[in-house]
Amino acid sequence: MLDRELIRKQPDLVRTGIQRKRMDSSIVDEFLAVDADFRRVATETGNAQAEMNQVSKSIGMLMGQGKKDEAEAAKTQAAELKKRVGELEDQQRLLEAKLHDVELNFPNIPHDSAPDGDDETQNPVIREWGIKPSFDFEPKPHWDLCDQHNMIDLARGAKITGSGWVVYKGVGARFQRALFNFMVDFQTTKNGYEEIYPPFVVNRESLIGTGNLPKFEDDLYKTIDDFFLIPTAEVPVTNLYRDEILDAGQLPIKHAAFSGCFRREAGAAGKDTRGIQRIHQFDKVEMVKFVEPSTSYDELEALVTDAEAILQALGLHYRVIELCTGDMGSKATKIYDIEVWSPGVGKYLEVSSCGNFGDYQSRRANIRFRPEAGAKPEFVHILNGSGVAVPRLYAAILETFQDASGNISIPEALHGYFGSKSIG
């Protein structure tokens, strides 16, 4: 959600920002029209209340002066004004709700440094790390490796739930658990994040706070009592501080949370459906930061570094790209994606997206901080990033460290978690 005063005073700046994201900027005009009605009615309400108070005060004075007829007329006028004030207050509440609904559909404005572009084909590569693995044999994709070692069961996952749901079993389930335990420990012991284990189900207010609602409701799994399965731990962790005022001394707050993630992937049918590249339930370690506005873009660079450290510890080749304005979505001001090379699939797979949301989420969730004692509260800046998502990391490790027989060497950083140096 954007600052109302920004939209009122600099509508052209907001329009330009929305257009940079290749989105419809007519929402600015919609807001301004509703806002004009809201402010007009608010003014009328204030004037009617002031007149009603003035007339009401005159009644006693007129009675004291023996002007009974005039006092009775004033009573009639006061009653009419009271009714008018009530009607205006009802209008004001309706317009306030309408204005809020419009505000919730505003996209965030991209940072000046975000590269302009139309889509993912125009995302610049910022850097690469490690050497892309080469083989003297044709590397197998992870789904063949998983079949060879009886690690996952897609058919039974589809039977018990549906297409896009996976059963991990045996060594495959143990490897899955090793990955997320390693990543939680890494982010908490090496990078200074506090561990959170959040609910996997949240209420509507929490999803509004992060910007997932109202726009992305079709992508979410919803219960009959208006709760939702989380698409990422970003949602519950961000809302830990909803409607709170933090002290500056608490910032930055850094949380790392393991969770299951649940997504319908609406509109993604037929894309990357082999193996576990795109599934409806997956595990992920999410990093969330609450920081002072003046430090948020430095904190974003540090967040990306923290996510990269996982892949470096595992010895995986990857690249960092910066999302152009047309590909970054509605919520962020600036985003970096980290893509790991998956040699069996023959392409880079996104395993982390690290974004700065500025005060967009904190305004929606009403999360503020007090810069110093007695100072007026300000909205914090919120950042989050995957540290990292398990399924594609899982696939990349199997494919990167396979041999000609299809056996897999386990990266040294995982030996203590997995309990073995190899699969097969």
Protein backbone atom coordinates (compact mmCIF):
# COMPACT_ATOMS: atom_id res chain seq x y z
CA MET A 1 0.00 0.00 0.00
CA LEU A 2 1.32 3.44 -0.91
CA ASP A 3 1.29 6.63 1.14
CA ARG A 4 -1.96 8.48 0.40
CA GLU A 5 -0.18 11.80 0.47
CA LEU A 6 2.26 10.58 -2.18
CA ILE A 7 -0.61 9.70 -4.52
CA ARG A 8 -2.41 12.98 -3.79
CA LYS A 9 0.61 15.24 -4.18
CA GLN A 10 2.65 13.40 -6.81
CA PRO A 11 0.19 11.41 -8.94
CA ASP A 12 2.41 11.64 -12.04
CA LEU A 13 5.32 10.07 -10.12
CA VAL A 14 3.07 7.20 -9.07
CA ARG A 15 1.69 6.76 -12.60
CA THR A 16 5.20 6.60 -14.01
CA GLY A 17 6.24 4.01 -11.43
CA ILE A 18 3.24 1.80 -12.21
CA GLN A 19 3.84 2.15 -15.94
CA ARG A 20 7.48 1.11 -15.43
CA LYS A 21 6.08 -2.16 -14.10
CA ARG A 22 4.04 -2.47 -17.30
CA MET A 23 0.84 -2.25 -15.26
CA ASP A 24 -2.34 -0.24 -15.68
CA SER A 25 -1.89 3.19 -14.09
CA SER A 26 -5.58 4.12 -14.33
CA ILE A 27 -5.86 3.06 -10.68
CA VAL A 28 -4.32 6.47 -9.84
CA ASP A 29 -7.27 8.26 -11.42
CA GLU A 30 -9.68 5.87 -9.70
CA PHE A 31 -8.08 6.66 -6.36
CA LEU A 32 -8.11 10.41 -6.94
CA ALA A 33 -11.81 10.36 -7.89
CA VAL A 34 -12.84 8.39 -4.81
CA ASP A 35 -10.49 10.43 -2.63
CA ALA A 36 -12.04 13.68 -3.86
CA ASP A 37 -15.50 12.42 -2.88
CA PHE A 38 -14.17 11.19 0.46
CA ARG A 39 -12.49 14.50 1.30
CA ARG A 40 -15.54 16.49 0.18
CA VAL A 41 -17.85 14.46 2.40
CA ALA A 42 -15.35 14.64 5.28
CA THR A 43 -15.37 18.43 4.98
CA GLU A 44 -19.17 18.53 4.84
CA THR A 45 -19.32 16.27 7.89
CA GLY A 46 -16.95 18.49 9.83
CA ASN A 47 -18.90 21.62 8.91
CA ALA A 48 -22.24 20.02 9.82
CA GLN A 49 -20.84 18.83 13.16
CA ALA A 50 -19.51 22.30 13.94
CA GLU A 51 -22.86 23.89 13.06
CA MET A 52 -24.73 21.30 15.12
CA ASN A 53 -22.49 21.96 18.14
CA GLN A 54 -22.97 25.71 17.78
CA VAL A 55 -26.75 25.41 17.54
CA SER A 56 -26.86 22.98 20.46
CA LYS A 57 -24.91 25.39 22.65
CA SER A 58 -27.30 28.22 21.76
CA ILE A 59 -30.32 26.33 23.11
CA GLY A 60 -29.41 26.76 26.75
CA MET A 61 -28.51 30.40 26.20
CA LEU A 62 -31.86 31.11 24.51
CA MET A 63 -33.75 29.32 27.28
CA GLY A 64 -31.89 31.37 29.87
CA GLN A 65 -32.89 34.54 28.07
CA GLY A 66 -36.51 33.45 28.06
CA LYS A 67 -36.59 33.05 24.31
CA LYS A 68 -38.56 29.84 24.37
CA ASP A 69 -39.79 29.93 20.77
CA GLU A 70 -36.30 30.55 19.46
CA ALA A 71 -34.95 27.78 21.69
CA GLU A 72 -37.52 25.34 20.32
CA ALA A 73 -36.58 26.33 16.77
CA ALA A 74 -32.93 25.74 17.65
CA LYS A 75 -33.82 22.29 19.01
CA THR A 76 -35.54 21.43 15.73
CA GLN A 77 -32.55 22.70 13.77
CA ALA A 78 -30.13 20.73 15.99
CA ALA A 79 -32.15 17.53 15.44
CA GLU A 80 -32.08 18.06 11.68
CA LEU A 81 -28.35 18.71 11.78
CA LYS A 82 -27.78 15.59 13.90
CA LYS A 83 -29.62 13.52 11.31
CA ARG A 84 -27.59 15.16 8.54
CA VAL A 85 -24.33 14.46 10.37
CA GLY A 86 -25.33 10.80 10.74
CA GLU A 87 -26.06 10.53 7.03
CA LEU A 88 -22.75 12.18 6.16
CA GLU A 89 -20.83 9.92 8.56
CA ASP A 90 -22.39 6.89 6.87
CA GLN A 91 -21.31 8.23 3.47
CA GLN A 92 -17.83 8.92 4.84
CA ARG A 93 -17.48 5.37 6.16
CA LEU A 94 -18.57 3.90 2.83
CA LEU A 95 -16.15 6.10 0.90
CA GLU A 96 -13.34 5.30 3.34
CA ALA A 97 -13.94 1.58 2.75
CA LYS A 98 -14.05 2.12 -1.02
CA LEU A 99 -10.84 4.14 -0.88
CA HIS A 100 -9.14 1.42 1.15
CA ASP A 101 -10.22 -1.21 -1.37
CA VAL A 102 -8.64 0.83 -4.15
CA GLU A 103 -5.45 1.30 -2.11
CA LEU A 104 -5.09 -2.45 -1.58
CA ASN A 105 -4.90 -2.97 -5.34
CA PHE A 106 -2.07 -0.48 -5.91
CA PRO A 107 1.23 -2.02 -6.97
CA ASN A 108 4.40 -0.81 -5.32
CA ILE A 109 6.63 1.63 -7.20
CA PRO A 110 9.98 0.29 -8.42
CA HIS A 111 13.20 1.78 -7.11
CA ASP A 112 15.01 4.15 -9.45
CA SER A 113 17.86 1.64 -9.79
CA ALA A 114 15.60 -1.22 -10.93
CA PRO A 115 16.30 -1.97 -14.61
CA ASP A 116 13.48 -1.18 -17.00
CA GLY A 117 12.21 -4.05 -19.11
CA ASP A 118 9.13 -5.86 -20.34
CA ASP A 119 9.62 -9.45 -19.15
CA GLU A 120 12.02 -12.12 -17.90
CA THR A 121 14.00 -12.07 -21.14
CA GLN A 122 15.29 -8.61 -20.20
CA ASN A 123 16.58 -9.46 -16.70
CA PRO A 124 20.31 -8.64 -16.51
CA VAL A 125 22.74 -11.17 -15.03
CA ILE A 126 24.57 -9.49 -12.16
CA ARG A 127 27.14 -12.16 -11.38
CA GLU A 128 27.90 -15.88 -11.53
CA TRP A 129 29.61 -18.11 -9.00
CA GLY A 130 31.39 -21.41 -9.42
CA ILE A 131 32.15 -23.46 -12.50
CA LYS A 132 29.33 -24.92 -14.55
CA PRO A 133 29.78 -28.70 -14.24
CA SER A 134 30.72 -30.72 -17.28
CA PHE A 135 30.42 -34.47 -17.81
CA ASP A 136 31.93 -37.11 -20.07
CA PHE A 137 28.50 -38.74 -20.17
CA GLU A 138 24.93 -37.54 -20.67
CA PRO A 139 23.76 -36.34 -17.22
CA LYS A 140 20.41 -37.68 -16.09
CA PRO A 141 17.57 -35.42 -15.02
CA HIS A 142 16.64 -35.61 -11.36
CA TRP A 143 13.44 -37.56 -11.99
CA ASP A 144 15.44 -40.43 -13.51
CA LEU A 145 17.91 -40.31 -10.62
CA CYS A 146 15.05 -40.33 -8.14
CA ASP A 147 13.52 -43.35 -9.89
CA GLN A 148 16.87 -45.15 -9.82
CA HIS A 149 17.24 -44.66 -6.08
CA ASN A 150 13.54 -44.89 -5.16
CA MET A 151 13.54 -41.37 -3.67
CA ILE A 152 10.16 -39.94 -4.67
CA ASP A 153 6.80 -41.30 -5.76
CA LEU A 154 4.89 -38.97 -8.07
CA ALA A 155 2.27 -41.55 -9.00
CA ARG A 156 1.23 -42.18 -5.40
CA GLY A 157 1.33 -38.48 -4.65
CA ALA A 158 -1.11 -37.96 -7.50
CA LYS A 159 -3.25 -40.84 -6.25
CA ILE A 160 -3.61 -39.58 -2.68
CA THR A 161 -3.95 -35.88 -3.57
CA GLY A 162 -3.58 -34.98 -7.23
CA SER A 163 -1.15 -34.00 -9.96
CA GLY A 164 1.70 -31.86 -8.67
CA TRP A 165 1.83 -33.45 -5.20
CA VAL A 166 4.87 -35.52 -4.28
CA VAL A 167 5.66 -38.31 -1.82
CA TYR A 168 9.31 -38.35 -0.69
CA LYS A 169 10.36 -41.71 0.69
CA GLY A 170 13.32 -43.56 2.11
CA VAL A 171 16.63 -41.95 1.23
CA GLY A 172 14.70 -39.26 -0.65
CA ALA A 173 12.78 -38.19 2.45
CA ARG A 174 15.98 -38.23 4.52
CA PHE A 175 17.77 -36.09 1.94
CA GLN A 176 14.85 -33.61 1.93
CA ARG A 177 15.04 -33.32 5.73
CA ALA A 178 18.83 -32.93 5.64
CA LEU A 179 18.51 -29.96 3.29
CA PHE A 180 16.11 -27.86 5.30
CA ASN A 181 17.79 -28.67 8.63
CA PHE A 182 21.13 -27.62 7.16
CA MET A 183 19.71 -24.36 5.80
CA VAL A 184 17.96 -23.36 9.03
CA ASP A 185 21.13 -24.04 11.02
CA PHE A 186 23.24 -22.13 8.50
CA GLN A 187 21.09 -19.00 8.52
CA THR A 188 20.75 -18.95 12.32
CA THR A 189 24.29 -19.90 13.41
CA LYS A 190 26.32 -18.29 10.62
CA ASN A 191 24.18 -15.39 9.37
CA GLY A 192 22.56 -14.26 12.61
CA TYR A 193 18.87 -14.91 11.97
CA GLU A 194 16.50 -15.84 14.76
CA GLU A 195 14.66 -19.08 14.03
CA ILE A 196 10.87 -18.99 13.78
CA TYR A 197 8.58 -21.99 13.33
CA PRO A 198 5.30 -20.37 12.24
CA PRO A 199 1.76 -21.65 11.68
CA PHE A 200 1.22 -23.00 8.18
CA VAL A 201 -2.34 -21.61 8.18
CA VAL A 202 -3.10 -17.87 8.38
CA ASN A 203 -6.09 -15.58 8.43
CA ARG A 204 -7.18 -13.19 5.70
CA GLU A 205 -5.71 -10.14 7.49
CA SER A 206 -2.23 -11.70 7.35
CA LEU A 207 -2.39 -12.19 3.59
CA ILE A 208 -3.70 -8.65 3.10
CA GLY A 209 -0.75 -7.44 5.19
CA THR A 210 1.81 -9.01 2.84
CA GLY A 211 -0.03 -8.06 -0.36
CA ASN A 212 -1.11 -11.58 -1.37
CA LEU A 213 -4.73 -10.52 -1.01
CA PRO A 214 -6.90 -9.39 -2.60
CA LYS A 215 -5.05 -9.83 -5.90
CA PHE A 216 -3.74 -13.41 -5.67
CA GLU A 217 -6.58 -15.26 -3.97
CA ASP A 218 -6.92 -17.71 -6.88
CA ASP A 219 -3.34 -18.91 -6.26
CA LEU A 220 -4.07 -19.84 -2.63
CA TYR A 221 -5.55 -22.88 -0.92
CA LYS A 222 -8.45 -21.76 1.25
CA THR A 223 -10.31 -23.51 4.06
CA ILE A 224 -14.07 -23.35 4.59
CA ASP A 225 -13.64 -20.97 7.56
CA ASP A 226 -11.71 -18.34 5.58
CA PHE A 227 -8.23 -19.44 6.61
CA PHE A 228 -5.50 -20.06 4.04
CA LEU A 229 -2.55 -22.41 3.68
CA ILE A 230 0.55 -20.25 3.45
CA PRO A 231 2.25 -19.72 0.08
CA THR A 232 5.49 -18.98 1.97
CA ALA A 233 6.61 -18.34 5.55
CA GLU A 234 6.90 -14.67 4.56
CA VAL A 235 3.21 -14.33 5.41
CA PRO A 236 3.14 -15.46 9.07
CA VAL A 237 6.60 -14.08 9.87
CA THR A 238 5.84 -10.60 8.47
CA ASN A 239 2.63 -10.50 10.48
CA LEU A 240 4.37 -11.27 13.77
CA TYR A 241 4.56 -7.51 14.28
CA ARG A 242 1.27 -6.44 12.70
CA ASP A 243 -0.23 -3.40 14.47
CA GLU A 244 2.89 -2.98 16.62
CA ILE A 245 5.35 -0.14 17.20
CA LEU A 246 8.94 -1.33 17.50
CA ASP A 247 11.83 0.48 19.12
CA ALA A 248 14.72 1.51 16.89
CA GLY A 249 17.01 -0.51 19.13
CA GLN A 250 15.22 -3.69 18.03
CA LEU A 251 16.13 -3.12 14.39
CA PRO A 252 17.21 -4.80 12.28
CA ILE A 253 15.09 -7.84 13.13
CA LYS A 254 16.18 -10.92 11.15
CA HIS A 255 14.09 -14.09 11.17
CA ALA A 256 14.63 -17.40 9.37
CA ALA A 257 11.68 -19.77 9.18
CA PHE A 258 11.26 -23.27 7.81
CA SER A 259 7.80 -24.05 6.51
CA GLY A 260 5.80 -25.99 4.02
CA CYS A 261 4.52 -23.80 1.19
CA PHE A 262 1.28 -24.34 -0.70
CA ARG A 263 0.49 -22.84 -4.10
CA ARG A 264 -2.06 -23.63 -6.75
CA GLU A 265 0.34 -22.23 -9.38
CA ALA A 266 -2.66 -20.86 -11.26
CA GLY A 267 -1.79 -20.23 -14.89
CA ALA A 268 1.35 -22.37 -14.75
CA ALA A 269 -0.13 -25.56 -16.18
CA GLY A 270 2.26 -27.37 -18.48
CA LYS A 271 5.32 -25.36 -17.43
CA ASP A 272 8.26 -27.20 -15.81
CA THR A 273 6.00 -30.07 -14.77
CA ARG A 274 8.57 -32.89 -14.97
CA GLY A 275 9.94 -34.08 -11.67
CA ILE A 276 9.83 -31.61 -8.79
CA GLN A 277 10.52 -28.35 -10.59
CA ARG A 278 7.00 -26.98 -10.01
CA ILE A 279 4.81 -28.61 -7.38
CA HIS A 280 1.92 -27.53 -5.16
CA GLN A 281 3.55 -28.29 -1.78
CA PHE A 282 7.22 -27.71 -1.08
CA ASP A 283 9.54 -26.89 1.78
CA LYS A 284 11.50 -23.68 2.06
CA VAL A 285 13.56 -21.65 4.50
CA GLU A 286 12.44 -18.02 4.35
CA MET A 287 14.42 -15.01 5.58
CA VAL A 288 12.51 -11.89 6.64
CA LYS A 289 14.03 -8.59 7.74
CA PHE A 290 12.51 -5.53 9.43
CA VAL A 291 14.87 -2.57 9.04
CA GLU A 292 15.15 1.20 9.19
CA PRO A 293 14.33 2.83 5.84
CA SER A 294 17.77 4.41 5.49
CA THR A 295 19.48 0.99 5.50
CA SER A 296 17.04 -1.12 3.51
CA TYR A 297 18.90 -1.30 0.20
CA ASP A 298 22.17 -2.22 1.93
CA GLU A 299 20.18 -4.85 3.82
CA LEU A 300 18.87 -6.17 0.50
CA GLU A 301 22.41 -6.76 -0.77
CA ALA A 302 23.24 -8.55 2.50
CA LEU A 303 20.10 -10.66 2.16
CA VAL A 304 21.16 -11.84 -1.29
CA THR A 305 24.63 -12.66 0.06
CA ASP A 306 23.06 -14.75 2.85
CA ALA A 307 21.04 -16.74 0.31
CA GLU A 308 24.07 -17.20 -1.97
CA ALA A 309 26.08 -18.57 0.94
CA ILE A 310 23.91 -21.70 0.98
CA LEU A 311 24.75 -22.53 -2.63
CA GLN A 312 28.42 -21.74 -2.12
CA ALA A 313 28.57 -24.05 0.91
CA LEU A 314 27.11 -26.82 -1.26
CA GLY A 315 29.48 -26.13 -4.15
CA LEU A 316 26.77 -25.39 -6.72
CA HIS A 317 27.16 -23.18 -9.77
CA TYR A 318 24.61 -20.36 -9.84
CA ARG A 319 23.93 -16.89 -11.14
CA VAL A 320 22.26 -13.80 -9.68
CA ILE A 321 19.90 -11.83 -11.90
CA GLU A 322 18.10 -8.59 -11.20
CA LEU A 323 14.46 -8.55 -12.18
CA CYS A 324 13.46 -5.85 -14.60
CA THR A 325 10.45 -3.70 -13.81
CA GLY A 326 8.12 -5.71 -16.05
CA ASP A 327 8.98 -8.99 -14.30
CA MET A 328 9.20 -8.02 -10.63
CA GLY A 329 5.50 -8.27 -9.82
CA SER A 330 3.37 -5.91 -7.83
CA LYS A 331 4.85 -5.89 -4.31
CA ALA A 332 8.57 -5.15 -4.48
CA THR A 333 10.67 -2.09 -5.24
CA LYS A 334 13.74 -4.13 -6.22
CA ILE A 335 14.30 -7.89 -6.59
CA TYR A 336 17.21 -10.23 -7.19
CA ASP A 337 16.68 -13.87 -8.17
CA ILE A 338 19.26 -16.59 -7.61
CA GLU A 339 19.23 -19.39 -10.17
CA VAL A 340 21.15 -22.63 -9.70
CA TRP A 341 22.41 -24.60 -12.68
CA SER A 342 20.66 -27.94 -13.10
CA PRO A 343 22.72 -29.95 -15.62
CA GLY A 344 20.29 -32.84 -16.08
CA VAL A 345 17.50 -30.42 -16.98
CA GLY A 346 19.98 -28.26 -18.86
CA LYS A 347 18.93 -24.88 -17.50
CA TYR A 348 19.04 -22.52 -14.55
CA LEU A 349 16.34 -22.98 -11.91
CA GLU A 350 15.23 -20.23 -9.54
CA VAL A 351 15.84 -21.22 -5.92
CA SER A 352 15.63 -17.81 -4.26
CA SER A 353 13.99 -14.46 -4.81
CA CYS A 354 15.18 -11.63 -2.54
CA GLY A 355 13.18 -8.42 -2.52
CA ASN A 356 12.90 -5.07 -0.80
CA PHE A 357 9.26 -4.07 -0.28
CA GLY A 358 9.99 -0.69 1.26
CA ASP A 359 7.04 0.41 3.41
CA TYR A 360 4.47 -1.24 1.09
CA GLN A 361 3.82 -4.19 3.42
CA SER A 362 4.36 -2.29 6.66
CA ARG A 363 1.63 0.20 5.70
CA ARG A 364 -0.76 -2.66 4.97
CA ALA A 365 0.12 -4.49 8.19
CA ASN A 366 0.66 -1.28 10.24
CA ILE A 367 4.18 -2.13 11.43
CA ARG A 368 6.05 0.92 12.66
CA PHE A 369 9.10 1.85 14.69
CA ARG A 370 9.94 4.80 16.89
CA PRO A 371 13.31 6.27 15.80
CA GLU A 372 13.94 7.58 19.33
CA ALA A 373 12.04 8.10 22.57
CA GLY A 374 9.14 10.50 22.06
CA ALA A 375 9.55 10.56 18.27
CA LYS A 376 6.66 10.05 15.89
CA PRO A 377 6.44 6.41 14.72
CA GLU A 378 7.53 5.65 11.15
CA PHE A 379 6.88 2.64 8.95
CA VAL A 380 9.65 0.06 8.85
CA HIS A 381 11.00 -1.35 5.61
CA ILE A 382 10.44 -5.08 5.12
CA LEU A 383 12.56 -7.44 3.04
CA ASN A 384 12.36 -11.15 2.45
CA GLY A 385 14.10 -13.85 0.49
CA SER A 386 14.32 -17.60 0.17
CA GLY A 387 17.25 -19.14 1.92
CA VAL A 388 16.46 -21.32 -0.07
CA ALA A 389 13.58 -23.33 -1.62
CA VAL A 390 14.14 -27.09 -1.36
CA PRO A 391 12.77 -28.85 -4.49
CA ARG A 392 14.91 -27.21 -7.15
CA LEU A 393 17.94 -27.24 -4.84
CA TYR A 394 17.29 -30.96 -4.34
CA ALA A 395 17.15 -31.46 -8.10
CA ALA A 396 20.30 -29.43 -8.76
CA ILE A 397 22.36 -31.35 -6.18
CA LEU A 398 21.34 -34.74 -7.57
CA GLU A 399 22.08 -33.66 -11.13
CA THR A 400 25.35 -31.86 -10.34
CA PHE A 401 26.98 -34.57 -8.26
CA GLN A 402 25.94 -37.67 -10.21
CA ASP A 403 28.36 -40.08 -11.81
CA ALA A 404 28.03 -42.19 -14.96
CA SER A 405 26.27 -44.93 -12.99
CA GLY A 406 23.72 -42.52 -11.57
CA ASN A 407 25.18 -42.61 -8.06
CA ILE A 408 25.29 -39.27 -6.24
CA SER A 409 28.04 -37.77 -4.07
CA ILE A 410 26.60 -35.76 -1.18
CA PRO A 411 28.19 -32.31 -0.62
CA GLU A 412 30.44 -32.29 2.44
CA ALA A 413 28.33 -29.63 4.19
CA LEU A 414 25.44 -32.15 4.32
CA HIS A 415 27.33 -35.20 5.58
CA GLY A 416 26.43 -34.62 9.21
CA TYR A 417 22.80 -34.03 8.35
CA PHE A 418 22.33 -36.82 5.85
CA GLY A 419 24.45 -39.40 7.63
CA SER A 420 26.13 -40.62 4.46
CA LYS A 421 28.55 -39.37 1.83
CA SER A 422 26.67 -40.76 -1.13
CA ILE A 423 23.44 -42.14 -2.53
CA GLY A 424 23.90 -45.40 -4.36
